[in-house]
Amino acid sequence: MRSFSEKHISWACLGVIALFGSYYTIGLFGYGNDVDTYAMIRQGQELVSSYKYYPSRPPGYFVPELIIGFTSMVGGHFLTNLLSALMGATNIYIFYKFIKRYFNEKHSVLICLIVALNPYYIIAASSSMDYIYSIFFGLCGLCFLDRCKYFLGAIFFGLSLSARLSNSLIVFAIYVGYLIANLKNGDIKALAKLAASIPLAMIIMAAFYVPSYFAFGNSFKFLSYGIGDWDYFGHFARFVYKNVYLLGFLSSIFILASVIYISLKERKIGEISFEVKLGIFILIIHELLFFKVPIEISYLLPILFVLVPLWVIIIRKKIVLIIILLVLTISYNFVKVDVLTFERDYVRLEAVDANTNISINTGVLLDDIIKRWCFWVVPKLTEGDLYIVSKGKAATKQQQ
């Protein structure tokens, strides 16, 4: 007869398989709706076929570009999205195993579901984009670091930053946390190994940006990013709006209200653990970076893995509140409450003005699926069309 823990491991595996199936089913209808996907495909295929490299967009994301380019040549979006779905589901399993030390079984499952069923996470896990690659490599790095496999952790952190350099501050915070923990424990040997692994992670990360360095004429001009000419208010407005809509308007209001309610009711904060302090530190530094570059909501995906557990701790792990947030998260996939309507510049592909107007619209995931389906039934892009997309001269998001 199987033990209690073995049964829970089996249920966890079944849950991960179900997530994988859901992600991949959505991924069957094309590469995705992000125009950058097709730039990555183009440059990755060019790298594989002619050994020439130019970043799909600065600063360059060599590892996912290479993998997506190669797999798209071998198996089209069926293979590229298979990898994304596999990584997306594996991320949740690693996350589940990690947080079980801080939460009981029920809380751990609910936290993982809130992250796994966030529409932006689902889209990332069912599309051929680099977001899921960076999260996957980063969680693998964290897993090895936690098991004192410091040099393996360094390799995966280097891979993570090759997929998204913007996550470098999160990796920095994780290293700081483990350095402090080892210092407190007085484990000098582990501290020395951990410290020695940090330069290795930096070297591996830097090595993957050498192709970008050469592509930009042996210069560091690749260390740039595309952003609108916004004033301070433009940055602030986008920063607030995109943070709110990462979780959805209703979910964000609920989180804020629940935190205020619990804080007023309990009044006593109590001792804040080191893990909570580290989580808050990660949130702050990543949000500061996002305030500087508030371009896409998906840039905020890594903080889901920190924000949701922190919120559960703040609300004293009240199961009813967690279930309500899960329901709101699921509903956000299908129904979206908007408080603003935007006027957009379709040449610069950005919002230029907004008006207050409460409306009920198609949910984030459902909207993405509808667009994929529409693009699925139209003729495929020609090689020339794909080339134009990869150079950023067109905003089409049709399937290749």
Protein backbone atom coordinates (compact mmCIF):
# COMPACT_ATOMS: atom_id res chain seq x y z
CA MET A 1 0.00 0.00 0.00
CA ARG A 2 1.39 3.40 -0.98
CA SER A 3 2.26 5.96 1.67
CA PHE A 4 0.44 9.27 2.09
CA SER A 5 3.37 11.22 0.56
CA GLU A 6 3.53 8.89 -2.45
CA LYS A 7 -0.16 9.50 -3.15
CA HIS A 8 0.40 13.26 -3.07
CA ILE A 9 3.37 12.97 -5.40
CA SER A 10 1.17 11.01 -7.82
CA TRP A 11 -1.56 13.65 -7.67
CA ALA A 12 1.05 16.34 -8.23
CA CYS A 13 2.35 14.49 -11.29
CA LEU A 14 -1.18 14.11 -12.66
CA GLY A 15 -1.76 17.82 -12.13
CA VAL A 16 1.43 18.68 -14.00
CA ILE A 17 0.43 16.36 -16.86
CA ALA A 18 -2.99 18.05 -17.01
CA LEU A 19 -1.34 21.47 -17.16
CA PHE A 20 1.01 20.28 -19.89
CA GLY A 21 -1.94 18.97 -21.90
CA SER A 22 -3.81 22.25 -21.52
CA TYR A 23 -0.82 24.38 -22.48
CA TYR A 24 0.01 22.23 -25.48
CA THR A 25 -3.58 22.07 -26.72
CA ILE A 26 -3.63 25.88 -26.89
CA GLY A 27 -0.20 25.80 -28.54
CA LEU A 28 -1.47 23.62 -31.39
CA PHE A 29 -2.96 26.72 -33.06
CA GLY A 30 0.21 28.47 -34.16
CA TYR A 31 3.37 29.91 -32.68
CA GLY A 32 1.56 32.64 -30.77
CA ASN A 33 0.41 36.24 -31.16
CA ASP A 34 3.59 38.04 -30.13
CA VAL A 35 5.29 39.61 -33.14
CA ASP A 36 8.70 39.04 -31.52
CA THR A 37 8.10 35.30 -31.85
CA TYR A 38 8.49 35.52 -35.61
CA ALA A 39 11.64 37.59 -35.33
CA MET A 40 13.09 34.85 -33.12
CA ILE A 41 12.07 32.16 -35.61
CA ARG A 42 13.64 34.04 -38.49
CA GLN A 43 16.94 34.75 -36.78
CA GLY A 44 17.11 31.28 -35.23
CA GLN A 45 16.55 29.60 -38.59
CA GLU A 46 19.15 31.85 -40.20
CA LEU A 47 21.64 30.94 -37.46
CA VAL A 48 21.05 27.20 -37.97
CA SER A 49 21.05 27.27 -41.76
CA SER A 50 23.75 29.85 -42.56
CA TYR A 51 25.61 30.22 -39.23
CA LYS A 52 24.92 33.95 -39.30
CA TYR A 53 23.57 35.63 -36.21
CA TYR A 54 21.83 38.90 -35.59
CA PRO A 55 19.62 39.36 -32.51
CA SER A 56 15.88 39.21 -33.05
CA ARG A 57 15.85 42.40 -30.93
CA PRO A 58 18.38 43.89 -28.50
CA PRO A 59 20.10 42.67 -26.45
CA GLY A 60 19.57 39.27 -28.08
CA TYR A 61 18.33 36.00 -26.62
CA PHE A 62 20.72 33.47 -28.12
CA VAL A 63 19.62 30.24 -26.44
CA PRO A 64 15.83 30.49 -27.04
CA GLU A 65 16.44 31.94 -30.51
CA LEU A 66 18.61 28.94 -31.38
CA ILE A 67 16.20 26.39 -29.89
CA ILE A 68 13.06 27.96 -31.36
CA GLY A 69 14.74 28.44 -34.75
CA PHE A 70 15.96 24.84 -34.93
CA THR A 71 12.78 23.19 -33.64
CA SER A 72 10.60 25.31 -35.96
CA MET A 73 12.60 23.93 -38.90
CA VAL A 74 12.22 20.35 -37.66
CA GLY A 75 8.63 20.30 -36.42
CA GLY A 76 7.08 23.73 -36.85
CA HIS A 77 5.00 25.18 -34.04
CA PHE A 78 3.99 21.68 -32.97
CA LEU A 79 7.51 21.08 -31.69
CA THR A 80 8.42 24.57 -30.51
CA ASN A 81 5.24 24.85 -28.46
CA LEU A 82 5.69 21.30 -27.18
CA LEU A 83 8.90 22.47 -25.51
CA SER A 84 7.19 25.59 -24.15
CA ALA A 85 4.33 23.54 -22.68
CA LEU A 86 6.77 21.08 -21.15
CA MET A 87 8.77 23.86 -19.53
CA GLY A 88 5.63 25.65 -18.38
CA ALA A 89 4.28 22.57 -16.61
CA THR A 90 7.70 21.63 -15.18
CA ASN A 91 8.04 25.14 -13.74
CA ILE A 92 4.89 24.60 -11.70
CA TYR A 93 6.13 21.23 -10.41
CA ILE A 94 9.48 22.70 -9.32
CA PHE A 95 7.63 25.61 -7.71
CA TYR A 96 5.29 23.20 -5.91
CA LYS A 97 8.18 21.15 -4.51
CA PHE A 98 9.94 24.33 -3.37
CA ILE A 99 7.05 25.98 -1.52
CA LYS A 100 5.89 22.81 0.23
CA ARG A 101 8.44 23.49 2.97
CA TYR A 102 6.61 26.71 3.86
CA PHE A 103 2.97 25.73 3.26
CA ASN A 104 0.79 22.69 3.80
CA GLU A 105 -0.44 20.54 0.92
CA LYS A 106 -3.70 22.43 0.31
CA HIS A 107 -2.09 25.87 0.37
CA SER A 108 0.76 24.73 -1.91
CA VAL A 109 -1.64 23.37 -4.51
CA LEU A 110 -3.81 26.49 -4.51
CA ILE A 111 -0.79 28.81 -4.80
CA CYS A 112 0.53 26.79 -7.74
CA LEU A 113 -2.86 26.85 -9.46
CA ILE A 114 -3.11 30.64 -9.14
CA VAL A 115 0.26 30.96 -10.88
CA ALA A 116 -0.32 28.17 -13.42
CA LEU A 117 -3.77 29.48 -14.47
CA ASN A 118 -2.78 33.11 -14.80
CA PRO A 119 -3.66 33.90 -18.44
CA TYR A 120 -0.32 35.54 -19.22
CA TYR A 121 1.49 32.51 -17.85
CA ILE A 122 -0.71 30.18 -19.89
CA ILE A 123 0.01 32.21 -23.04
CA ALA A 124 3.76 32.14 -22.33
CA ALA A 125 3.63 28.36 -21.77
CA SER A 126 1.77 27.79 -25.05
CA SER A 127 3.78 30.13 -27.30
CA SER A 128 7.22 30.14 -28.88
CA MET A 129 8.66 32.97 -26.80
CA ASP A 130 11.62 33.43 -24.48
CA TYR A 131 9.72 34.25 -21.27
CA ILE A 132 9.09 30.62 -20.36
CA TYR A 133 12.71 29.68 -21.13
CA SER A 134 14.12 32.17 -18.67
CA ILE A 135 11.70 31.13 -15.92
CA PHE A 136 12.44 27.44 -16.52
CA PHE A 137 16.22 27.82 -16.45
CA GLY A 138 15.94 30.16 -13.45
CA LEU A 139 13.84 27.71 -11.42
CA CYS A 140 16.24 24.89 -12.31
CA GLY A 141 19.09 27.10 -11.10
CA LEU A 142 17.23 27.78 -7.85
CA CYS A 143 16.57 24.07 -7.41
CA PHE A 144 20.27 23.20 -7.77
CA LEU A 145 21.30 26.09 -5.55
CA ASP A 146 18.90 24.87 -2.88
CA ARG A 147 20.47 21.40 -3.07
CA CYS A 148 23.97 22.87 -2.71
CA LYS A 149 24.79 22.04 -6.35
CA TYR A 150 26.21 25.52 -6.78
CA PHE A 151 28.04 25.09 -10.06
CA LEU A 152 25.08 23.40 -11.75
CA GLY A 153 22.97 26.27 -10.41
CA ALA A 154 25.40 28.76 -11.95
CA ILE A 155 25.09 27.08 -15.35
CA PHE A 156 21.30 27.28 -15.31
CA PHE A 157 21.27 30.86 -14.05
CA GLY A 158 23.60 31.74 -16.92
CA LEU A 159 21.16 30.08 -19.33
CA SER A 160 18.26 31.91 -17.71
CA LEU A 161 19.88 35.28 -18.26
CA SER A 162 20.75 34.36 -21.84
CA ALA A 163 16.98 34.06 -22.36
CA ARG A 164 16.02 37.28 -20.58
CA LEU A 165 18.69 39.66 -19.30
CA SER A 166 15.97 41.65 -17.51
CA ASN A 167 15.76 38.89 -14.89
CA SER A 168 19.35 39.53 -13.77
CA LEU A 169 18.26 41.46 -10.68
CA ILE A 170 16.16 38.51 -9.53
CA VAL A 171 19.14 36.18 -9.89
CA PHE A 172 21.27 38.72 -8.02
CA ALA A 173 18.73 38.80 -5.16
CA ILE A 174 18.62 35.00 -4.99
CA TYR A 175 22.40 34.83 -4.68
CA VAL A 176 22.36 37.51 -1.99
CA GLY A 177 19.75 35.52 -0.08
CA TYR A 178 21.73 32.28 -0.18
CA LEU A 179 24.98 34.05 0.72
CA ILE A 180 23.34 35.57 3.80
CA ALA A 181 21.73 32.23 4.75
CA ASN A 182 25.05 30.37 4.54
CA LEU A 183 26.78 33.15 6.45
CA LYS A 184 24.18 32.89 9.24
CA ASN A 185 24.57 29.12 9.35
CA GLY A 186 28.33 29.46 9.63
CA ASP A 187 28.85 27.02 6.76
CA ILE A 188 32.11 28.46 5.44
CA LYS A 189 32.72 25.63 2.97
CA ALA A 190 29.30 26.04 1.37
CA LEU A 191 29.70 29.81 1.42
CA ALA A 192 33.02 29.56 -0.44
CA LYS A 193 31.54 27.25 -3.10
CA LEU A 194 28.52 29.51 -3.53
CA ALA A 195 30.71 32.61 -3.86
CA ALA A 196 32.93 30.83 -6.39
CA SER A 197 29.89 29.86 -8.49
CA ILE A 198 28.79 33.47 -8.97
CA PRO A 199 31.61 34.41 -11.40
CA LEU A 200 30.84 31.20 -13.31
CA ALA A 201 27.21 32.27 -13.77
CA MET A 202 28.38 35.68 -14.98
CA ILE A 203 30.88 34.15 -17.43
CA ILE A 204 28.26 31.79 -18.87
CA MET A 205 25.78 34.63 -19.21
CA ALA A 206 28.38 36.87 -20.89
CA ALA A 207 29.41 34.08 -23.27
CA PHE A 208 25.90 33.90 -24.70
CA TYR A 209 25.99 37.64 -25.47
CA VAL A 210 29.28 37.44 -27.38
CA PRO A 211 27.37 36.75 -30.65
CA SER A 212 25.37 39.95 -30.05
CA TYR A 213 28.61 41.83 -29.40
CA PHE A 214 30.00 40.71 -32.77
CA ALA A 215 26.68 41.31 -34.55
CA PHE A 216 26.75 44.95 -33.41
CA GLY A 217 30.19 45.59 -34.88
CA ASN A 218 32.27 44.54 -31.85
CA SER A 219 30.49 47.01 -29.59
CA PHE A 220 28.20 47.04 -26.60
CA LYS A 221 25.44 48.80 -28.51
CA PHE A 222 23.40 45.61 -28.21
CA LEU A 223 22.80 46.48 -24.54
CA SER A 224 19.76 48.54 -25.39
CA TYR A 225 16.01 48.13 -25.67
CA GLY A 226 13.14 49.55 -27.66
CA ILE A 227 10.85 51.88 -25.75
CA GLY A 228 8.54 54.78 -26.51
CA ASP A 229 9.46 58.40 -25.92
CA TRP A 230 7.46 58.67 -22.69
CA ASP A 231 7.60 61.29 -19.99
CA TYR A 232 7.58 60.47 -16.27
CA PHE A 233 3.79 60.22 -16.16
CA GLY A 234 3.82 57.93 -19.21
CA HIS A 235 6.18 55.55 -17.40
CA PHE A 236 4.17 55.71 -14.19
CA ALA A 237 0.79 55.15 -15.87
CA ARG A 238 2.04 52.13 -17.82
CA PHE A 239 3.79 50.78 -14.72
CA VAL A 240 0.59 50.90 -12.66
CA TYR A 241 -1.74 49.66 -15.38
CA LYS A 242 0.42 46.67 -16.36
CA ASN A 243 1.02 45.62 -12.77
CA VAL A 244 -2.72 45.71 -12.13
CA TYR A 245 -3.55 43.77 -15.30
CA LEU A 246 -0.94 41.09 -14.75
CA LEU A 247 -3.47 39.70 -12.25
CA GLY A 248 -6.55 41.46 -13.56
CA PHE A 249 -8.44 44.46 -12.22
CA LEU A 250 -10.77 42.44 -9.98
CA SER A 251 -7.96 40.26 -8.60
CA SER A 252 -5.76 43.28 -7.91
CA ILE A 253 -8.56 45.08 -6.06
CA PHE A 254 -9.28 41.91 -4.10
CA ILE A 255 -5.62 41.45 -3.14
CA LEU A 256 -5.36 45.05 -1.99
CA ALA A 257 -8.62 44.89 -0.03
CA SER A 258 -7.73 41.58 1.62
CA VAL A 259 -4.30 42.86 2.70
CA ILE A 260 -5.86 46.01 4.20
CA TYR A 261 -8.61 44.00 5.91
CA ILE A 262 -6.23 41.46 7.46
CA SER A 263 -3.79 44.17 8.51
CA LEU A 264 -6.52 46.15 10.28
CA LYS A 265 -8.03 43.04 11.85
CA GLU A 266 -4.83 41.41 13.06
CA ARG A 267 -2.91 44.64 13.76
CA LYS A 268 0.10 42.68 14.96
CA ILE A 269 2.56 42.11 12.14
CA GLY A 270 4.75 39.68 14.06
CA GLU A 271 8.27 38.69 13.20
CA ILE A 272 9.03 38.80 9.49
CA SER A 273 11.01 35.77 8.35
CA PHE A 274 14.15 36.01 6.24
CA GLU A 275 12.37 34.34 3.31
CA VAL A 276 9.63 36.99 3.35
CA LYS A 277 12.21 39.77 3.48
CA LEU A 278 14.02 38.22 0.52
CA GLY A 279 10.75 37.94 -1.41
CA ILE A 280 9.95 41.59 -0.78
CA PHE A 281 13.47 42.53 -1.89
CA ILE A 282 13.01 40.59 -5.14
CA LEU A 283 9.68 42.30 -5.80
CA ILE A 284 11.09 45.77 -5.19
CA ILE A 285 14.16 45.49 -7.40
CA HIS A 286 12.28 43.85 -10.27
CA GLU A 287 9.52 46.45 -10.08
CA LEU A 288 12.10 49.26 -10.11
CA LEU A 289 13.49 47.83 -13.33
CA PHE A 290 9.99 47.48 -14.78
CA PHE A 291 9.23 51.10 -13.89
CA LYS A 292 12.15 52.06 -16.14
CA VAL A 293 11.01 49.70 -18.92
CA PRO A 294 7.21 49.19 -18.57
CA ILE A 295 6.77 47.66 -22.00
CA GLU A 296 5.00 44.29 -21.80
CA ILE A 297 2.99 42.73 -18.99
CA SER A 298 4.80 39.44 -19.59
CA TYR A 299 8.02 41.04 -18.28
CA LEU A 300 6.37 40.72 -14.85
CA LEU A 301 5.74 36.97 -15.06
CA PRO A 302 8.65 35.99 -12.75
CA ILE A 303 7.17 37.95 -9.85
CA LEU A 304 4.06 35.73 -9.85
CA PHE A 305 6.22 33.07 -8.19
CA VAL A 306 7.02 35.53 -5.38
CA LEU A 307 3.92 37.70 -5.14
CA VAL A 308 1.34 34.94 -4.66
CA PRO A 309 3.13 33.13 -1.79
CA LEU A 310 3.85 36.47 -0.08
CA TRP A 311 0.18 37.44 -0.29
CA VAL A 312 -0.86 34.08 1.18
CA ILE A 313 1.50 34.67 4.11
CA ILE A 314 0.21 38.22 4.64
CA ILE A 315 -3.44 37.11 4.75
CA ARG A 316 -2.52 34.46 7.35
CA LYS A 317 -3.11 31.63 4.87
CA LYS A 318 -6.90 32.00 5.01
CA ILE A 319 -8.14 29.33 2.66
CA VAL A 320 -11.39 31.10 1.69
CA LEU A 321 -9.51 34.16 0.45
CA ILE A 322 -7.09 32.01 -1.53
CA ILE A 323 -9.94 30.16 -3.23
CA ILE A 324 -11.61 33.47 -4.13
CA LEU A 325 -8.39 34.66 -5.78
CA LEU A 326 -8.14 31.38 -7.68
CA VAL A 327 -11.70 31.81 -8.99
CA LEU A 328 -10.96 35.41 -10.02
CA THR A 329 -7.76 34.24 -11.75
CA ILE A 330 -9.63 31.57 -13.71
CA SER A 331 -12.38 34.03 -14.68
CA TYR A 332 -9.77 36.51 -15.94
CA ASN A 333 -8.96 34.04 -18.71
CA PHE A 334 -12.49 34.41 -20.10
CA VAL A 335 -13.85 37.76 -18.91
CA LYS A 336 -11.88 40.96 -18.46
CA VAL A 337 -13.06 44.04 -16.60
CA ASP A 338 -11.46 47.18 -18.05
CA VAL A 339 -11.52 50.60 -16.45
CA LEU A 340 -9.75 52.35 -19.32
CA THR A 341 -10.15 52.59 -23.09
CA PHE A 342 -7.06 53.37 -25.10
CA GLU A 343 -6.32 55.36 -28.20
CA ARG A 344 -3.49 53.56 -30.00
CA ASP A 345 -0.86 54.53 -32.51
CA TYR A 346 -0.71 51.48 -34.77
CA VAL A 347 2.49 52.68 -36.41
CA ARG A 348 4.43 52.94 -33.16
CA LEU A 349 2.34 50.06 -31.70
CA GLU A 350 1.63 51.80 -28.40
CA ALA A 351 -1.14 53.54 -26.51
CA VAL A 352 -1.03 57.33 -26.78
CA ASP A 353 -4.06 58.26 -24.68
CA ALA A 354 -6.59 56.70 -22.32
CA ASN A 355 -10.08 57.51 -21.09
CA THR A 356 -11.93 56.22 -18.03
CA ASN A 357 -14.61 53.83 -19.15
CA ILE A 358 -15.66 50.69 -17.28
CA SER A 359 -16.39 47.83 -19.66
CA ILE A 360 -16.62 44.03 -19.78
CA ASN A 361 -14.49 42.47 -22.50
CA THR A 362 -13.19 39.13 -23.70
CA GLY A 363 -10.75 37.58 -21.23
CA VAL A 364 -7.01 37.60 -21.88
CA LEU A 365 -6.65 33.91 -22.76
CA LEU A 366 -9.89 33.68 -24.73
CA ASP A 367 -8.86 36.71 -26.77
CA ASP A 368 -5.50 35.09 -27.48
CA ILE A 369 -7.15 31.82 -28.55
CA ILE A 370 -9.58 33.63 -30.86
CA LYS A 371 -6.71 35.44 -32.56
CA ARG A 372 -4.75 32.21 -32.94
CA TRP A 373 -7.78 30.51 -34.47
CA CYS A 374 -8.31 33.37 -36.91
CA PHE A 375 -4.67 33.25 -37.97
CA TRP A 376 -4.82 29.48 -38.21
CA VAL A 377 -7.43 29.53 -40.98
CA VAL A 378 -5.68 32.15 -43.13
CA PRO A 379 -2.83 31.32 -45.52
CA LYS A 380 0.60 31.00 -43.97
CA LEU A 381 3.06 33.85 -44.15
CA THR A 382 5.48 33.73 -47.02
CA GLU A 383 9.22 33.79 -46.41
CA GLY A 384 9.26 37.44 -47.41
CA ASP A 385 6.48 38.31 -44.97
CA LEU A 386 8.34 36.58 -42.18
CA TYR A 387 11.48 38.49 -43.04
CA ILE A 388 9.62 41.79 -42.83
CA VAL A 389 8.17 40.83 -39.45
CA SER A 390 11.59 39.82 -38.14
CA LYS A 391 12.98 43.23 -39.05
CA GLY A 392 10.21 44.95 -37.12
CA LYS A 393 8.77 46.72 -40.19
CA ALA A 394 5.35 45.14 -39.84
CA ALA A 395 3.05 44.51 -36.95
CA THR A 396 1.33 41.44 -38.34
CA LYS A 397 1.03 38.55 -35.94
CA GLN A 398 -0.15 35.94 -38.35
CA GLN A 399 1.09 32.39 -38.13
CA GLN A 400 4.21 31.51 -40.10
